[in-house]
Amino acid sequence: MEAVVSTQSTWVPFQVQIHYTKMDGSRMVRIITQQQDATSDRAQVERSVDVRMMGRHFAQKSAGLAQRGDYEASRAVNFSSARYMDRVATTGTQQRAWRGYMRSQESWDGALQDEMRTESRDAPALQFGSAADRSRARKSNRSKRDKLSAKMYKMKKGKY
């Protein structure tokens, strides 16, 4: 009789090493080893999603793309993340976090749309330039518009 061995683990091990220097100059290493439960059941994973944490991740990703001048990709992240979080926000806590994220994203997306409208009105030739040209021009123009820069900074800090 042959033993059947499952190649699918129910947990994943991980380790983090933190190197630091104490006030007295001694160099230290702290090692943290843990294991995290794992599953291939998508429904189980989605029920336990930390929507607030996911919102911070998506906000930072969107702001980073906008900071590089890729407003279109930034808006695409907003759209896809909203759909994903709408699907997984099933508990009351998740739904409250999702609503807060959506209020912030509507404001952020509106600011991106305003910037794109201003850009198409003030510099229509940019629409036909390369992505690198658009990115450089957007960075330069954004320095003159504090409102968008302030929103972007807040989003990058994950404070939607």
Protein backbone atom coordinates (compact mmCIF):
# COMPACT_ATOMS: atom_id res chain seq x y z
CA MET A 1 0.00 0.00 0.00
CA GLU A 2 1.36 3.40 -1.03
CA ALA A 3 1.03 6.46 1.18
CA VAL A 4 -0.60 9.52 -0.38
CA VAL A 5 1.24 12.74 0.40
CA SER A 6 -0.48 16.05 -0.18
CA THR A 7 1.64 18.73 -1.81
CA GLN A 8 -0.80 21.39 -0.66
CA SER A 9 0.20 22.89 2.68
CA THR A 10 -2.33 24.44 5.05
CA TRP A 11 0.20 27.00 6.24
CA VAL A 12 3.08 29.08 4.89
CA PRO A 13 6.22 29.78 6.93
CA PHE A 14 7.94 33.15 6.77
CA GLN A 15 10.80 34.89 8.51
CA VAL A 16 11.77 38.54 8.87
CA GLN A 17 15.19 39.79 9.93
CA ILE A 18 15.39 43.30 11.34
CA HIS A 19 18.86 44.84 11.60
CA TYR A 20 19.22 47.89 13.82
CA THR A 21 21.70 49.87 15.91
CA LYS A 22 21.00 50.61 19.55
CA MET A 23 21.66 54.04 21.08
CA ASP A 24 24.92 52.72 22.61
CA GLY A 25 26.18 51.73 19.13
CA SER A 26 25.66 47.97 19.41
CA ARG A 27 24.37 46.38 16.24
CA MET A 28 21.47 44.01 16.71
CA VAL A 29 19.48 41.54 14.64
CA ARG A 30 15.96 40.54 15.55
CA ILE A 31 14.51 37.51 13.81
CA ILE A 32 10.80 36.85 13.79
CA THR A 33 9.58 33.51 12.51
CA GLN A 34 5.92 32.68 12.11
CA GLN A 35 3.58 30.67 10.03
CA GLN A 36 0.38 31.89 8.41
CA ASP A 37 -2.62 29.74 7.59
CA ALA A 38 -3.17 29.22 3.88
CA THR A 39 -6.16 28.07 1.86
CA SER A 40 -7.18 27.69 -1.75
CA ASP A 41 -10.81 28.52 -0.86
CA ARG A 42 -11.31 31.96 -2.41
CA ALA A 43 -14.63 32.54 -0.64
CA GLN A 44 -13.01 31.92 2.75
CA VAL A 45 -10.21 34.37 1.97
CA GLU A 46 -12.59 37.08 0.73
CA ARG A 47 -14.72 36.78 3.88
CA SER A 48 -11.70 37.71 5.97
CA VAL A 49 -10.32 40.55 3.83
CA ASP A 50 -9.23 43.63 5.77
CA VAL A 51 -10.96 46.14 3.49
CA ARG A 52 -9.40 49.11 5.26
CA MET A 53 -5.89 47.76 4.69
CA MET A 54 -6.70 46.93 1.07
CA GLY A 55 -8.05 50.46 0.62
CA ARG A 56 -4.75 51.90 1.85
CA HIS A 57 -2.85 49.65 -0.56
CA PHE A 58 -4.98 50.65 -3.55
CA ALA A 59 -4.83 54.36 -2.59
CA GLN A 60 -1.03 54.24 -2.44
CA LYS A 61 -0.80 52.37 -5.73
CA SER A 62 -3.13 54.83 -7.48
CA ALA A 63 -1.28 57.86 -6.11
CA GLY A 64 2.07 56.41 -7.12
CA LEU A 65 0.89 55.97 -10.70
CA ALA A 66 -0.50 59.51 -10.77
CA GLN A 67 2.73 60.88 -9.33
CA ARG A 68 4.61 59.32 -12.24
CA GLY A 69 2.15 61.06 -14.57
CA ASP A 70 0.13 57.98 -15.53
CA TYR A 71 -3.32 59.35 -14.71
CA GLU A 72 -5.08 56.78 -16.89
CA ALA A 73 -3.53 53.82 -15.04
CA SER A 74 -4.25 55.55 -11.72
CA ARG A 75 -7.93 55.82 -12.63
CA ALA A 76 -7.95 52.17 -13.79
CA VAL A 77 -6.66 51.11 -10.35
CA ASN A 78 -9.43 53.15 -8.73
CA PHE A 79 -12.08 51.48 -10.86
CA SER A 80 -10.84 47.90 -10.45
CA SER A 81 -10.21 48.26 -6.72
CA ALA A 82 -13.71 49.64 -6.17
CA ARG A 83 -15.22 46.64 -7.95
CA TYR A 84 -13.07 44.18 -5.99
CA MET A 85 -13.82 45.74 -2.61
CA ASP A 86 -17.52 45.98 -3.43
CA ARG A 87 -17.50 42.22 -4.01
CA VAL A 88 -15.66 41.30 -0.80
CA ALA A 89 -17.23 43.82 1.61
CA THR A 90 -19.89 41.63 3.16
CA THR A 91 -19.71 42.30 6.90
CA GLY A 92 -20.77 45.57 8.49
CA THR A 93 -17.17 46.51 9.30
CA GLN A 94 -16.03 45.77 5.77
CA GLN A 95 -18.91 47.77 4.27
CA ARG A 96 -18.17 50.81 6.45
CA ALA A 97 -14.51 50.69 5.39
CA TRP A 98 -15.56 50.28 1.74
CA ARG A 99 -17.89 53.32 1.93
CA GLY A 100 -15.08 55.44 3.41
CA TYR A 101 -12.74 54.31 0.68
CA MET A 102 -15.31 55.05 -2.02
CA ARG A 103 -15.93 58.59 -0.75
CA SER A 104 -12.22 59.26 -0.90
CA GLN A 105 -11.80 57.62 -4.30
CA GLU A 106 -14.65 59.61 -5.82
CA SER A 107 -12.89 62.80 -4.71
CA TRP A 108 -9.51 61.55 -5.95
CA ASP A 109 -10.89 60.40 -9.28
CA GLY A 110 -12.66 63.74 -9.71
CA ALA A 111 -9.38 65.57 -9.11
CA LEU A 112 -7.66 63.37 -11.72
CA GLN A 113 -10.45 64.00 -14.23
CA ASP A 114 -10.25 67.76 -13.59
CA GLU A 115 -6.50 67.67 -14.15
CA MET A 116 -6.93 65.71 -17.38
CA ARG A 117 -9.59 68.17 -18.64
CA THR A 118 -7.35 71.13 -17.81
CA GLU A 119 -4.47 69.41 -19.55
CA SER A 120 -6.46 68.70 -22.71
CA ARG A 121 -7.66 72.32 -22.80
CA ASP A 122 -4.28 73.94 -22.03
CA ALA A 123 -1.95 71.53 -23.84
CA PRO A 124 -3.91 69.49 -26.40
CA ALA A 125 -0.70 68.37 -28.16
CA LEU A 126 0.17 66.26 -25.10
CA GLN A 127 -2.61 63.83 -25.99
CA PHE A 128 -0.62 62.77 -29.02
CA GLY A 129 2.81 62.71 -27.38
CA SER A 130 4.58 59.69 -25.95
CA ALA A 131 3.82 58.41 -22.48
CA ALA A 132 7.22 59.70 -21.30
CA ASP A 133 6.47 63.18 -22.70
CA ARG A 134 3.06 63.21 -20.99
CA SER A 135 4.61 62.08 -17.72
CA ARG A 136 7.27 64.83 -17.76
CA ALA A 137 4.74 67.51 -18.68
CA ARG A 138 2.29 66.34 -16.04
CA LYS A 139 4.93 66.45 -13.30
CA SER A 140 5.89 69.96 -14.33
CA ASN A 141 2.28 71.18 -14.53
CA ARG A 142 1.32 69.52 -11.26
CA SER A 143 3.89 71.58 -9.37
CA LYS A 144 1.72 74.59 -10.22
CA ARG A 145 -1.45 72.97 -8.86
CA ASP A 146 -1.26 72.52 -5.11
CA LYS A 147 -4.70 70.91 -4.76
CA LEU A 148 -3.87 67.79 -6.79
CA SER A 149 -0.41 67.51 -5.24
CA ALA A 150 -1.89 67.71 -1.72
CA LYS A 151 -4.42 64.98 -2.51
CA MET A 152 -1.71 62.83 -4.06
CA TYR A 153 0.53 63.20 -1.00
CA LYS A 154 -2.31 62.19 1.31
CA MET A 155 -3.12 59.14 -0.85
CA LYS A 156 0.53 58.06 -0.99
CA LYS A 157 0.58 58.05 2.80
CA GLY A 158 -2.41 55.68 2.71
CA LYS A 159 -4.65 58.25 4.35
CA TYR A 160 -7.68 58.26 2.19
